[in-house]
Amino acid sequence: MSPTAITTAFIPVHNPASAALWYSETLDLEILTTNSSSAVLGPTSGTTSITLLGPESGIKVAPGLKWATCNFLVENLHEKRAALQRLEIQTTDVEGSPEICLFFTLQDPDGNTLLLTDR
């Protein structure tokens, strides 16, 4: 029996198409599919994705999550934070432990908290 695989994380948004553009540009994710109820982003060669769910999807959760539903692994955490700040995107300071995990958070345009990590 094979282990359970994680395939997607869900984030509620007001408009999947516009949110997908922001995630694509800000987090360097590829838009795989988009329609009026959802958008799926991720690497074309990977099995894990992020699904942005709009009101038409029927979800009962409003955008503006104060906690991160998943983490986004970035190659160089400090460089990514600096790049986001140059785009005038507010982030928290880098926190955590270099031996365990470093991270910072930011909010997407819908007010959802996102967690970016170094591992």
PDB file of N, CA and C in Angstrom:
ATOM      1  N   MET A   1       0.838  -1.169   0.000  1.00  0.00           N
ATOM      2  CA  MET A   1       0.000   0.000   0.000  1.00  0.00           C
ATOM      3  C   MET A   1       0.892   1.245   0.000  1.00  0.00           C
ATOM      4  N   SER A   2       0.620   2.195  -0.895  1.00  0.00           N
ATOM      5  CA  SER A   2       1.436   3.405  -0.978  1.00  0.00           C
ATOM      6  C   SER A   2       0.980   4.431   0.061  1.00  0.00           C
ATOM      7  N   PRO A   3       1.891   5.319   0.470  1.00  0.00           N
ATOM      8  CA  PRO A   3       1.514   6.328   1.467  1.00  0.00           C
ATOM      9  C   PRO A   3       0.537   7.338   0.885  1.00  0.00           C
ATOM     10  N   THR A   4      -0.183   7.981   1.749  1.00  0.00           N
ATOM     11  CA  THR A   4      -1.103   9.036   1.333  1.00  0.00           C
ATOM     12  C   THR A   4      -0.302  10.205   0.775  1.00  0.00           C
ATOM     13  N   ALA A   5      -0.750  10.756  -0.339  1.00  0.00           N
ATOM     14  CA  ALA A   5      -0.081  11.905  -0.953  1.00  0.00           C
ATOM     15  C   ALA A   5      -0.900  13.167  -0.713  1.00  0.00           C
ATOM     16  N   ILE A   6      -0.218  14.255  -0.501  1.00  0.00           N
ATOM     17  CA  ILE A   6      -0.885  15.547  -0.396  1.00  0.00           C
ATOM     18  C   ILE A   6      -0.908  16.141  -1.795  1.00  0.00           C
ATOM     19  N   THR A   7      -2.098  16.476  -2.275  1.00  0.00           N
ATOM     20  CA  THR A   7      -2.204  16.960  -3.648  1.00  0.00           C
ATOM     21  C   THR A   7      -2.459  18.455  -3.758  1.00  0.00           C
ATOM     22  N   THR A   8      -3.239  19.030  -2.844  1.00  0.00           N
ATOM     23  CA  THR A   8      -3.526  20.457  -2.934  1.00  0.00           C
ATOM     24  C   THR A   8      -3.856  21.043  -1.573  1.00  0.00           C
ATOM     25  N   ALA A   9      -3.668  22.331  -1.484  1.00  0.00           N
ATOM     26  CA  ALA A   9      -4.108  23.110  -0.333  1.00  0.00           C
ATOM     27  C   ALA A   9      -5.097  24.138  -0.872  1.00  0.00           C
ATOM     28  N   PHE A  10      -6.093  24.487  -0.085  1.00  0.00           N
ATOM     29  CA  PHE A  10      -7.146  25.392  -0.532  1.00  0.00           C
ATOM     30  C   PHE A  10      -7.036  26.744   0.167  1.00  0.00           C
ATOM     31  N   ILE A  11      -7.250  27.803  -0.601  1.00  0.00           N
ATOM     32  CA  ILE A  11      -7.259  29.157  -0.064  1.00  0.00           C
ATOM     33  C   ILE A  11      -8.488  29.863  -0.635  1.00  0.00           C
ATOM     34  N   PRO A  12      -9.347  30.431   0.225  1.00  0.00           N
ATOM     35  CA  PRO A  12     -10.526  31.137  -0.270  1.00  0.00           C
ATOM     36  C   PRO A  12     -10.154  32.529  -0.799  1.00  0.00           C
ATOM     37  N   VAL A  13     -10.719  32.891  -1.929  1.00  0.00           N
ATOM     38  CA  VAL A  13     -10.469  34.203  -2.542  1.00  0.00           C
ATOM     39  C   VAL A  13     -11.783  34.778  -3.065  1.00  0.00           C
ATOM     40  N   HIS A  14     -11.798  36.066  -3.338  1.00  0.00           N
ATOM     41  CA  HIS A  14     -12.996  36.691  -3.896  1.00  0.00           C
ATOM     42  C   HIS A  14     -13.129  36.432  -5.400  1.00  0.00           C
ATOM     43  N   ASN A  15     -11.995  36.485  -6.124  1.00  0.00           N
ATOM     44  CA  ASN A  15     -12.002  36.319  -7.578  1.00  0.00           C
ATOM     45  C   ASN A  15     -10.834  35.416  -7.974  1.00  0.00           C
ATOM     46  N   PRO A  16     -11.108  34.163  -8.323  1.00  0.00           N
ATOM     47  CA  PRO A  16     -10.018  33.226  -8.622  1.00  0.00           C
ATOM     48  C   PRO A  16      -9.068  33.684  -9.730  1.00  0.00           C
ATOM     49  N   ALA A  17      -9.590  34.292 -10.789  1.00  0.00           N
ATOM     50  CA  ALA A  17      -8.733  34.692 -11.909  1.00  0.00           C
ATOM     51  C   ALA A  17      -7.752  35.790 -11.496  1.00  0.00           C
ATOM     52  N   SER A  18      -8.243  36.824 -10.821  1.00  0.00           N
ATOM     53  CA  SER A  18      -7.327  37.900 -10.430  1.00  0.00           C
ATOM     54  C   SER A  18      -6.382  37.430  -9.329  1.00  0.00           C
ATOM     55  N   ALA A  19      -6.865  36.608  -8.415  1.00  0.00           N
ATOM     56  CA  ALA A  19      -5.997  36.066  -7.370  1.00  0.00           C
ATOM     57  C   ALA A  19      -4.904  35.192  -7.984  1.00  0.00           C
ATOM     58  N   ALA A  20      -5.254  34.413  -8.995  1.00  0.00           N
ATOM     59  CA  ALA A  20      -4.267  33.547  -9.658  1.00  0.00           C
ATOM     60  C   ALA A  20      -3.144  34.374 -10.270  1.00  0.00           C
ATOM     61  N   LEU A  21      -3.482  35.506 -10.865  1.00  0.00           N
ATOM     62  CA  LEU A  21      -2.444  36.372 -11.438  1.00  0.00           C
ATOM     63  C   LEU A  21      -1.499  36.875 -10.351  1.00  0.00           C
ATOM     64  N   TRP A  22      -2.058  37.291  -9.207  1.00  0.00           N
ATOM     65  CA  TRP A  22      -1.220  37.772  -8.111  1.00  0.00           C
ATOM     66  C   TRP A  22      -0.298  36.653  -7.610  1.00  0.00           C
ATOM     67  N   TYR A  23      -0.839  35.465  -7.367  1.00  0.00           N
ATOM     68  CA  TYR A  23      -0.026  34.344  -6.888  1.00  0.00           C
ATOM     69  C   TYR A  23       1.047  33.970  -7.906  1.00  0.00           C
ATOM     70  N   SER A  24       0.693  33.996  -9.174  1.00  0.00           N
ATOM     71  CA  SER A  24       1.647  33.661 -10.225  1.00  0.00           C
ATOM     72  C   SER A  24       2.803  34.662 -10.249  1.00  0.00           C
ATOM     73  N   GLU A  25       2.468  35.942 -10.214  1.00  0.00           N
ATOM     74  CA  GLU A  25       3.493  36.981 -10.276  1.00  0.00           C
ATOM     75  C   GLU A  25       4.290  37.089  -8.979  1.00  0.00           C
ATOM     76  N   THR A  26       3.629  36.956  -7.846  1.00  0.00           N
ATOM     77  CA  THR A  26       4.275  37.173  -6.558  1.00  0.00           C
ATOM     78  C   THR A  26       5.067  35.967  -6.066  1.00  0.00           C
ATOM     79  N   LEU A  27       4.528  34.767  -6.271  1.00  0.00           N
ATOM     80  CA  LEU A  27       5.172  33.563  -5.752  1.00  0.00           C
ATOM     81  C   LEU A  27       5.764  32.674  -6.842  1.00  0.00           C
ATOM     82  N   ASP A  28       5.779  33.175  -8.077  1.00  0.00           N
ATOM     83  CA  ASP A  28       6.377  32.434  -9.199  1.00  0.00           C
ATOM     84  C   ASP A  28       5.734  31.071  -9.417  1.00  0.00           C
ATOM     85  N   LEU A  29       4.411  31.019  -9.303  1.00  0.00           N
ATOM     86  CA  LEU A  29       3.675  29.785  -9.552  1.00  0.00           C
ATOM     87  C   LEU A  29       3.021  29.846 -10.926  1.00  0.00           C
ATOM     88  N   GLU A  30       2.924  28.710 -11.564  1.00  0.00           N
ATOM     89  CA  GLU A  30       2.282  28.653 -12.878  1.00  0.00           C
ATOM     90  C   GLU A  30       0.782  28.432 -12.708  1.00  0.00           C
ATOM     91  N   ILE A  31      -0.019  29.180 -13.460  1.00  0.00           N
ATOM     92  CA  ILE A  31      -1.467  28.978 -13.456  1.00  0.00           C
ATOM     93  C   ILE A  31      -1.758  27.760 -14.328  1.00  0.00           C
ATOM     94  N   LEU A  32      -2.283  26.713 -13.701  1.00  0.00           N
ATOM     95  CA  LEU A  32      -2.573  25.474 -14.427  1.00  0.00           C
ATOM     96  C   LEU A  32      -3.982  25.480 -15.000  1.00  0.00           C
ATOM     97  N   THR A  33      -4.958  25.940 -14.221  1.00  0.00           N
ATOM     98  CA  THR A  33      -6.342  26.071 -14.699  1.00  0.00           C
ATOM     99  C   THR A  33      -6.993  27.235 -13.969  1.00  0.00           C
ATOM    100  N   THR A  34      -7.983  27.827 -14.601  1.00  0.00           N
ATOM    101  CA  THR A  34      -8.754  28.872 -13.936  1.00  0.00           C
ATOM    102  C   THR A  34     -10.146  28.941 -14.542  1.00  0.00           C
ATOM    103  N   ASN A  35     -11.126  29.182 -13.696  1.00  0.00           N
ATOM    104  CA  ASN A  35     -12.502  29.402 -14.139  1.00  0.00           C
ATOM    105  C   ASN A  35     -13.185  30.281 -13.101  1.00  0.00           C
ATOM    106  N   SER A  36     -14.469  30.467 -13.204  1.00  0.00           N
ATOM    107  CA  SER A  36     -15.149  31.404 -12.306  1.00  0.00           C
ATOM    108  C   SER A  36     -15.225  30.916 -10.863  1.00  0.00           C
ATOM    109  N   SER A  37     -15.039  29.615 -10.626  1.00  0.00           N
ATOM    110  CA  SER A  37     -15.141  29.113  -9.259  1.00  0.00           C
ATOM    111  C   SER A  37     -13.800  28.801  -8.613  1.00  0.00           C
ATOM    112  N   SER A  38     -12.754  28.578  -9.411  1.00  0.00           N
ATOM    113  CA  SER A  38     -11.467  28.225  -8.815  1.00  0.00           C
ATOM    114  C   SER A  38     -10.316  28.452  -9.789  1.00  0.00           C
ATOM    115  N   ALA A  39      -9.121  28.415  -9.233  1.00  0.00           N
ATOM    116  CA  ALA A  39      -7.892  28.450 -10.023  1.00  0.00           C
ATOM    117  C   ALA A  39      -6.903  27.507  -9.353  1.00  0.00           C
ATOM    118  N   VAL A  40      -6.154  26.781 -10.149  1.00  0.00           N
ATOM    119  CA  VAL A  40      -5.147  25.850  -9.635  1.00  0.00           C
ATOM    120  C   VAL A  40      -3.789  26.332 -10.116  1.00  0.00           C
ATOM    121  N   LEU A  41      -2.844  26.420  -9.181  1.00  0.00           N
ATOM    122  CA  LEU A  41      -1.490  26.856  -9.492  1.00  0.00           C
ATOM    123  C   LEU A  41      -0.482  25.872  -8.943  1.00  0.00           C
ATOM    124  N   GLY A  42       0.649  25.804  -9.596  1.00  0.00           N
ATOM    125  CA  GLY A  42       1.721  24.944  -9.125  1.00  0.00           C
ATOM    126  C   GLY A  42       2.725  24.706 -10.228  1.00  0.00           C
ATOM    127  N   PRO A  43       3.695  23.875  -9.979  1.00  0.00           N
ATOM    128  CA  PRO A  43       4.639  23.509 -11.039  1.00  0.00           C
ATOM    129  C   PRO A  43       3.998  22.494 -11.984  1.00  0.00           C
ATOM    130  N   THR A  44       4.267  22.622 -13.278  1.00  0.00           N
ATOM    131  CA  THR A  44       3.671  21.688 -14.240  1.00  0.00           C
ATOM    132  C   THR A  44       4.147  20.267 -14.025  1.00  0.00           C
ATOM    133  N   SER A  45       5.352  20.092 -13.479  1.00  0.00           N
ATOM    134  CA  SER A  45       5.892  18.747 -13.296  1.00  0.00           C
ATOM    135  C   SER A  45       5.604  18.158 -11.927  1.00  0.00           C
ATOM    136  N   GLY A  46       4.975  18.920 -11.042  1.00  0.00           N
ATOM    137  CA  GLY A  46       4.759  18.443  -9.685  1.00  0.00           C
ATOM    138  C   GLY A  46       3.397  17.822  -9.481  1.00  0.00           C
ATOM    139  N   THR A  47       3.191  17.271  -8.294  1.00  0.00           N
ATOM    140  CA  THR A  47       1.899  16.679  -7.961  1.00  0.00           C
ATOM    141  C   THR A  47       1.173  17.488  -6.900  1.00  0.00           C
ATOM    142  N   THR A  48       1.845  18.489  -6.328  1.00  0.00           N
ATOM    143  CA  THR A  48       1.228  19.316  -5.313  1.00  0.00           C
ATOM    144  C   THR A  48       0.853  20.656  -5.924  1.00  0.00           C
ATOM    145  N   SER A  49      -0.325  21.157  -5.561  1.00  0.00           N
ATOM    146  CA  SER A  49      -0.790  22.423  -6.114  1.00  0.00           C
ATOM    147  C   SER A  49      -1.495  23.225  -5.033  1.00  0.00           C
ATOM    148  N   ILE A  50      -1.836  24.453  -5.393  1.00  0.00           N
ATOM    149  CA  ILE A  50      -2.644  25.310  -4.549  1.00  0.00           C
ATOM    150  C   ILE A  50      -3.927  25.596  -5.323  1.00  0.00           C
ATOM    151  N   THR A  51      -5.062  25.501  -4.658  1.00  0.00           N
ATOM    152  CA  THR A  51      -6.341  25.779  -5.306  1.00  0.00           C
ATOM    153  C   THR A  51      -6.962  27.000  -4.647  1.00  0.00           C
ATOM    154  N   LEU A  52      -7.208  28.004  -5.448  1.00  0.00           N
ATOM    155  CA  LEU A  52      -7.853  29.219  -4.988  1.00  0.00           C
ATOM    156  C   LEU A  52      -9.345  29.064  -5.250  1.00  0.00           C
ATOM    157  N   LEU A  53     -10.137  29.076  -4.195  1.00  0.00           N
ATOM    158  CA  LEU A  53     -11.574  28.831  -4.316  1.00  0.00           C
ATOM    159  C   LEU A  53     -12.358  30.124  -4.155  1.00  0.00           C
ATOM    160  N   GLY A  54     -13.162  30.439  -5.163  1.00  0.00           N
ATOM    161  CA  GLY A  54     -14.012  31.613  -5.121  1.00  0.00           C
ATOM    162  C   GLY A  54     -15.390  31.278  -4.587  1.00  0.00           C
ATOM    163  N   PRO A  55     -16.255  32.290  -4.431  1.00  0.00           N
ATOM    164  CA  PRO A  55     -17.600  32.076  -3.897  1.00  0.00           C
ATOM    165  C   PRO A  55     -18.430  31.083  -4.718  1.00  0.00           C
ATOM    166  N   GLU A  56     -18.247  31.054  -6.038  1.00  0.00           N
ATOM    167  CA  GLU A  56     -19.013  30.133  -6.878  1.00  0.00           C
ATOM    168  C   GLU A  56     -18.664  28.668  -6.634  1.00  0.00           C
ATOM    169  N   SER A  57     -17.558  28.401  -5.933  1.00  0.00           N
ATOM    170  CA  SER A  57     -17.166  27.018  -5.653  1.00  0.00           C
ATOM    171  C   SER A  57     -18.076  26.376  -4.613  1.00  0.00           C
ATOM    172  N   GLY A  58     -18.796  27.218  -3.861  1.00  0.00           N
ATOM    173  CA  GLY A  58     -19.685  26.699  -2.825  1.00  0.00           C
ATOM    174  C   GLY A  58     -19.034  26.550  -1.468  1.00  0.00           C
ATOM    175  N   ILE A  59     -17.755  26.931  -1.336  1.00  0.00           N
ATOM    176  CA  ILE A  59     -17.112  26.811  -0.022  1.00  0.00           C
ATOM    177  C   ILE A  59     -17.777  27.755   0.972  1.00  0.00           C
ATOM    178  N   LYS A  60     -17.756  27.391   2.214  1.00  0.00           N
ATOM    179  CA  LYS A  60     -18.407  28.168   3.260  1.00  0.00           C
ATOM    180  C   LYS A  60     -17.395  28.975   4.080  1.00  0.00           C
ATOM    181  N   VAL A  61     -16.213  29.194   3.522  1.00  0.00           N
ATOM    182  CA  VAL A  61     -15.172  29.939   4.212  1.00  0.00           C
ATOM    183  C   VAL A  61     -14.917  31.237   3.454  1.00  0.00           C
ATOM    184  N   ALA A  62     -14.911  32.340   4.174  1.00  0.00           N
ATOM    185  CA  ALA A  62     -14.664  33.641   3.558  1.00  0.00           C
ATOM    186  C   ALA A  62     -13.163  33.905   3.462  1.00  0.00           C
ATOM    187  N   PRO A  63     -12.736  34.628   2.445  1.00  0.00           N
ATOM    188  CA  PRO A  63     -11.335  35.039   2.366  1.00  0.00           C
ATOM    189  C   PRO A  63     -10.951  35.852   3.598  1.00  0.00           C
ATOM    190  N   GLY A  64      -9.669  35.860   3.893  1.00  0.00           N
ATOM    191  CA  GLY A  64      -9.163  36.608   5.040  1.00  0.00           C
ATOM    192  C   GLY A  64      -8.704  35.706   6.161  1.00  0.00           C
ATOM    193  N   LEU A  65      -8.217  34.507   5.805  1.00  0.00           N
ATOM    194  CA  LEU A  65      -7.743  33.564   6.824  1.00  0.00           C
ATOM    195  C   LEU A  65      -6.569  34.159   7.581  1.00  0.00           C
ATOM    196  N   LYS A  66      -6.645  34.142   8.881  1.00  0.00           N
ATOM    197  CA  LYS A  66      -5.583  34.694   9.729  1.00  0.00           C
ATOM    198  C   LYS A  66      -4.478  33.675   9.995  1.00  0.00           C
ATOM    199  N   TRP A  67      -4.648  32.439   9.496  1.00  0.00           N
ATOM    200  CA  TRP A  67      -3.629  31.404   9.649  1.00  0.00           C
ATOM    201  C   TRP A  67      -3.362  30.807   8.264  1.00  0.00           C
ATOM    202  N   ALA A  68      -2.159  30.343   8.060  1.00  0.00           N
ATOM    203  CA  ALA A  68      -1.758  29.798   6.766  1.00  0.00           C
ATOM    204  C   ALA A  68      -2.226  28.359   6.622  1.00  0.00           C
ATOM    205  N   THR A  69      -2.854  28.050   5.498  1.00  0.00           N
ATOM    206  CA  THR A  69      -3.327  26.688   5.241  1.00  0.00           C
ATOM    207  C   THR A  69      -2.212  25.771   4.754  1.00  0.00           C
ATOM    208  N   CYS A  70      -1.091  26.367   4.367  1.00  0.00           N
ATOM    209  CA  CYS A  70       0.046  25.587   3.865  1.00  0.00           C
ATOM    210  C   CYS A  70       1.266  26.486   3.930  1.00  0.00           C
ATOM    211  N   ASN A  71       2.414  25.968   3.555  1.00  0.00           N
ATOM    212  CA  ASN A  71       3.591  26.824   3.459  1.00  0.00           C
ATOM    213  C   ASN A  71       4.126  26.788   2.033  1.00  0.00           C
ATOM    214  N   PHE A  72       4.793  27.861   1.662  1.00  0.00           N
ATOM    215  CA  PHE A  72       5.418  27.979   0.354  1.00  0.00           C
ATOM    216  C   PHE A  72       6.920  27.970   0.564  1.00  0.00           C
ATOM    217  N   LEU A  73       7.575  26.953   0.050  1.00  0.00           N
ATOM    218  CA  LEU A  73       9.020  26.804   0.162  1.00  0.00           C
ATOM    219  C   LEU A  73       9.684  27.667  -0.908  1.00  0.00           C
ATOM    220  N   VAL A  74      10.600  28.542  -0.485  1.00  0.00           N
ATOM    221  CA  VAL A  74      11.340  29.364  -1.437  1.00  0.00           C
ATOM    222  C   VAL A  74      12.824  29.063  -1.316  1.00  0.00           C
ATOM    223  N   GLU A  75      13.532  29.196  -2.425  1.00  0.00           N
ATOM    224  CA  GLU A  75      14.939  28.828  -2.463  1.00  0.00           C
ATOM    225  C   GLU A  75      15.796  29.696  -1.546  1.00  0.00           C
ATOM    226  N   ASN A  76      15.591  31.012  -1.592  1.00  0.00           N
ATOM    227  CA  ASN A  76      16.354  31.914  -0.736  1.00  0.00           C
ATOM    228  C   ASN A  76      15.355  32.822  -0.024  1.00  0.00           C
ATOM    229  N   LEU A  77      15.076  32.512   1.219  1.00  0.00           N
ATOM    230  CA  LEU A  77      14.037  33.197   1.986  1.00  0.00           C
ATOM    231  C   LEU A  77      14.308  34.698   2.121  1.00  0.00           C
ATOM    232  N   HIS A  78      15.533  35.048   2.419  1.00  0.00           N
ATOM    233  CA  HIS A  78      15.863  36.467   2.617  1.00  0.00           C
ATOM    234  C   HIS A  78      15.758  37.249   1.307  1.00  0.00           C
ATOM    235  N   GLU A  79      16.211  36.663   0.201  1.00  0.00           N
ATOM    236  CA  GLU A  79      16.084  37.330  -1.101  1.00  0.00           C
ATOM    237  C   GLU A  79      14.615  37.486  -1.499  1.00  0.00           C
ATOM    238  N   LYS A  80      13.809  36.460  -1.246  1.00  0.00           N
ATOM    239  CA  LYS A  80      12.388  36.542  -1.588  1.00  0.00           C
ATOM    240  C   LYS A  80      11.709  37.628  -0.771  1.00  0.00           C
ATOM    241  N   ARG A  81      12.013  37.706   0.511  1.00  0.00           N
ATOM    242  CA  ARG A  81      11.421  38.742   1.363  1.00  0.00           C
ATOM    243  C   ARG A  81      11.815  40.122   0.857  1.00  0.00           C
ATOM    244  N   ALA A  82      13.058  40.315   0.507  1.00  0.00           N
ATOM    245  CA  ALA A  82      13.525  41.609  -0.002  1.00  0.00           C
ATOM    246  C   ALA A  82      12.818  41.955  -1.318  1.00  0.00           C
ATOM    247  N   ALA A  83      12.644  40.969  -2.191  1.00  0.00           N
ATOM    248  CA  ALA A  83      11.950  41.205  -3.467  1.00  0.00           C
ATOM    249  C   ALA A  83      10.497  41.607  -3.234  1.00  0.00           C
ATOM    250  N   LEU A  84       9.829  40.951  -2.291  1.00  0.00           N
ATOM    251  CA  LEU A  84       8.439  41.291  -1.981  1.00  0.00           C
ATOM    252  C   LEU A  84       8.351  42.705  -1.412  1.00  0.00           C
ATOM    253  N   GLN A  85       9.297  43.062  -0.571  1.00  0.00           N
ATOM    254  CA  GLN A  85       9.287  44.400   0.011  1.00  0.00           C
ATOM    255  C   GLN A  85       9.537  45.470  -1.054  1.00  0.00           C
ATOM    256  N   ARG A  86      10.358  45.158  -2.069  1.00  0.00           N
ATOM    257  CA  ARG A  86      10.555  46.105  -3.177  1.00  0.00           C
ATOM    258  C   ARG A  86       9.256  46.315  -3.948  1.00  0.00           C
ATOM    259  N   LEU A  87       8.376  45.300  -3.946  1.00  0.00           N
ATOM    260  CA  LEU A  87       7.064  45.418  -4.585  1.00  0.00           C
ATOM    261  C   LEU A  87       6.045  46.067  -3.648  1.00  0.00           C
ATOM    262  N   GLU A  88       6.524  46.547  -2.489  1.00  0.00           N
ATOM    263  CA  GLU A  88       5.693  47.177  -1.462  1.00  0.00           C
ATOM    264  C   GLU A  88       4.666  46.223  -0.860  1.00  0.00           C
ATOM    265  N   ILE A  89       5.040  44.937  -0.790  1.00  0.00           N
ATOM    266  CA  ILE A  89       4.237  43.928  -0.116  1.00  0.00           C
ATOM    267  C   ILE A  89       4.789  43.802   1.298  1.00  0.00           C
ATOM    268  N   GLN A  90       3.949  44.052   2.276  1.00  0.00           N
ATOM    269  CA  GLN A  90       4.391  43.995   3.663  1.00  0.00           C
ATOM    270  C   GLN A  90       4.572  42.543   4.099  1.00  0.00           C
ATOM    271  N   THR A  91       5.666  42.290   4.799  1.00  0.00           N
ATOM    272  CA  THR A  91       5.943  40.963   5.345  1.00  0.00           C
ATOM    273  C   THR A  91       6.311  41.119   6.816  1.00  0.00           C
ATOM    274  N   THR A  92       6.249  40.020   7.539  1.00  0.00           N
ATOM    275  CA  THR A  92       6.793  40.007   8.886  1.00  0.00           C
ATOM    276  C   THR A  92       8.308  39.856   8.778  1.00  0.00           C
ATOM    277  N   ASP A  93       8.994  39.996   9.890  1.00  0.00           N
ATOM    278  CA  ASP A  93      10.423  39.709   9.929  1.00  0.00           C
ATOM    279  C   ASP A  93      10.622  38.210   9.742  1.00  0.00           C
ATOM    280  N   VAL A  94      11.817  37.821   9.334  1.00  0.00           N
ATOM    281  CA  VAL A  94      12.159  36.398   9.285  1.00  0.00           C
ATOM    282  C   VAL A  94      12.288  35.919  10.718  1.00  0.00           C
ATOM    283  N   GLU A  95      11.611  34.832  11.022  1.00  0.00           N
ATOM    284  CA  GLU A  95      11.616  34.254  12.366  1.00  0.00           C
ATOM    285  C   GLU A  95      12.030  32.792  12.290  1.00  0.00           C
ATOM    286  N   GLY A  96      12.094  32.152  13.432  1.00  0.00           N
ATOM    287  CA  GLY A  96      12.400  30.730  13.503  1.00  0.00           C
ATOM    288  C   GLY A  96      13.837  30.463  13.863  1.00  0.00           C
ATOM    289  N   SER A  97      14.260  29.255  13.594  1.00  0.00           N
ATOM    290  CA  SER A  97      15.598  28.793  13.938  1.00  0.00           C
ATOM    291  C   SER A  97      16.307  28.288  12.686  1.00  0.00           C
ATOM    292  N   PRO A  98      17.549  28.729  12.443  1.00  0.00           N
ATOM    293  CA  PRO A  98      18.276  28.232  11.276  1.00  0.00           C
ATOM    294  C   PRO A  98      18.457  26.715  11.285  1.00  0.00           C
ATOM    295  N   GLU A  99      18.446  26.109  12.475  1.00  0.00           N
ATOM    296  CA  GLU A  99      18.609  24.659  12.569  1.00  0.00           C
ATOM    297  C   GLU A  99      17.313  23.913  12.274  1.00  0.00           C
ATOM    298  N   ILE A 100      16.193  24.575  12.456  1.00  0.00           N
ATOM    299  CA  ILE A 100      14.898  23.903  12.282  1.00  0.00           C
ATOM    300  C   ILE A 100      14.174  24.423  11.053  1.00  0.00           C
ATOM    301  N   CYS A 101      13.816  25.709  11.058  1.00  0.00           N
ATOM    302  CA  CYS A 101      13.095  26.300   9.921  1.00  0.00           C
ATOM    303  C   CYS A 101      13.036  27.810  10.113  1.00  0.00           C
ATOM    304  N   LEU A 102      13.307  28.546   9.044  1.00  0.00           N
ATOM    305  CA  LEU A 102      13.124  29.992   9.037  1.00  0.00           C
ATOM    306  C   LEU A 102      11.869  30.286   8.225  1.00  0.00           C
ATOM    307  N   PHE A 103      11.151  31.357   8.595  1.00  0.00           N
ATOM    308  CA  PHE A 103       9.908  31.671   7.903  1.00  0.00           C
ATOM    309  C   PHE A 103       9.536  33.131   8.077  1.00  0.00           C
ATOM    310  N   PHE A 104       8.640  33.599   7.214  1.00  0.00           N
ATOM    311  CA  PHE A 104       7.979  34.881   7.399  1.00  0.00           C
ATOM    312  C   PHE A 104       6.582  34.757   6.810  1.00  0.00           C
ATOM    313  N   THR A 105       5.727  35.704   7.154  1.00  0.00           N
ATOM    314  CA  THR A 105       4.367  35.685   6.620  1.00  0.00           C
ATOM    315  C   THR A 105       4.074  36.987   5.884  1.00  0.00           C
ATOM    316  N   LEU A 106       3.051  36.933   5.062  1.00  0.00           N
ATOM    317  CA  LEU A 106       2.509  38.088   4.362  1.00  0.00           C
ATOM    318  C   LEU A 106       1.044  37.806   4.114  1.00  0.00           C
ATOM    319  N   GLN A 107       0.338  38.804   3.633  1.00  0.00           N
ATOM    320  CA  GLN A 107      -1.069  38.590   3.300  1.00  0.00           C
ATOM    321  C   GLN A 107      -1.266  38.787   1.806  1.00  0.00           C
ATOM    322  N   ASP A 108      -2.117  37.924   1.217  1.00  0.00           N
ATOM    323  CA  ASP A 108      -2.475  38.107  -0.184  1.00  0.00           C
ATOM    324  C   ASP A 108      -3.500  39.243  -0.280  1.00  0.00           C
ATOM    325  N   PRO A 109      -3.886  39.672  -1.487  1.00  0.00           N
ATOM    326  CA  PRO A 109      -4.841  40.776  -1.615  1.00  0.00           C
ATOM    327  C   PRO A 109      -6.208  40.507  -0.981  1.00  0.00           C
ATOM    328  N   ASP A 110      -6.540  39.237  -0.724  1.00  0.00           N
ATOM    329  CA  ASP A 110      -7.807  38.887  -0.082  1.00  0.00           C
ATOM    330  C   ASP A 110      -7.684  38.826   1.438  1.00  0.00           C
ATOM    331  N   GLY A 111      -6.485  39.123   1.970  1.00  0.00           N
ATOM    332  CA  GLY A 111      -6.286  39.126   3.413  1.00  0.00           C
ATOM    333  C   GLY A 111      -5.941  37.778   4.008  1.00  0.00           C
ATOM    334  N   ASN A 112      -5.651  36.772   3.172  1.00  0.00           N
ATOM    335  CA  ASN A 112      -5.239  35.457   3.669  1.00  0.00           C
ATOM    336  C   ASN A 112      -3.769  35.508   4.081  1.00  0.00           C
ATOM    337  N   THR A 113      -3.454  34.958   5.232  1.00  0.00           N
ATOM    338  CA  THR A 113      -2.075  34.882   5.689  1.00  0.00           C
ATOM    339  C   THR A 113      -1.361  33.748   4.959  1.00  0.00           C
ATOM    340  N   LEU A 114      -0.191  34.069   4.405  1.00  0.00           N
ATOM    341  CA  LEU A 114       0.624  33.080   3.691  1.00  0.00           C
ATOM    342  C   LEU A 114       1.929  32.906   4.451  1.00  0.00           C
ATOM    343  N   LEU A 115       2.428  31.689   4.486  1.00  0.00           N
ATOM    344  CA  LEU A 115       3.658  31.347   5.196  1.00  0.00           C
ATOM    345  C   LEU A 115       4.716  30.941   4.174  1.00  0.00           C
ATOM    346  N   LEU A 116       5.834  31.647   4.162  1.00  0.00           N
ATOM    347  CA  LEU A 116       6.957  31.303   3.294  1.00  0.00           C
ATOM    348  C   LEU A 116       8.080  30.773   4.161  1.00  0.00           C
ATOM    349  N   THR A 117       8.671  29.656   3.758  1.00  0.00           N
ATOM    350  CA  THR A 117       9.674  28.963   4.572  1.00  0.00           C
ATOM    351  C   THR A 117      10.932  28.651   3.777  1.00  0.00           C
ATOM    352  N   ASP A 118      12.002  28.341   4.501  1.00  0.00           N
ATOM    353  CA  ASP A 118      13.255  27.967   3.848  1.00  0.00           C
ATOM    354  C   ASP A 118      13.436  26.457   3.707  1.00  0.00           C
ATOM    355  N   ARG A 119      12.499  25.680   4.252  1.00  0.00           N
ATOM    356  CA  ARG A 119      12.534  24.216   4.087  1.00  0.00           C
ATOM    357  C   ARG A 119      11.191  23.616   4.380  1.00  0.00           C
TER     358      ARG A 119
END
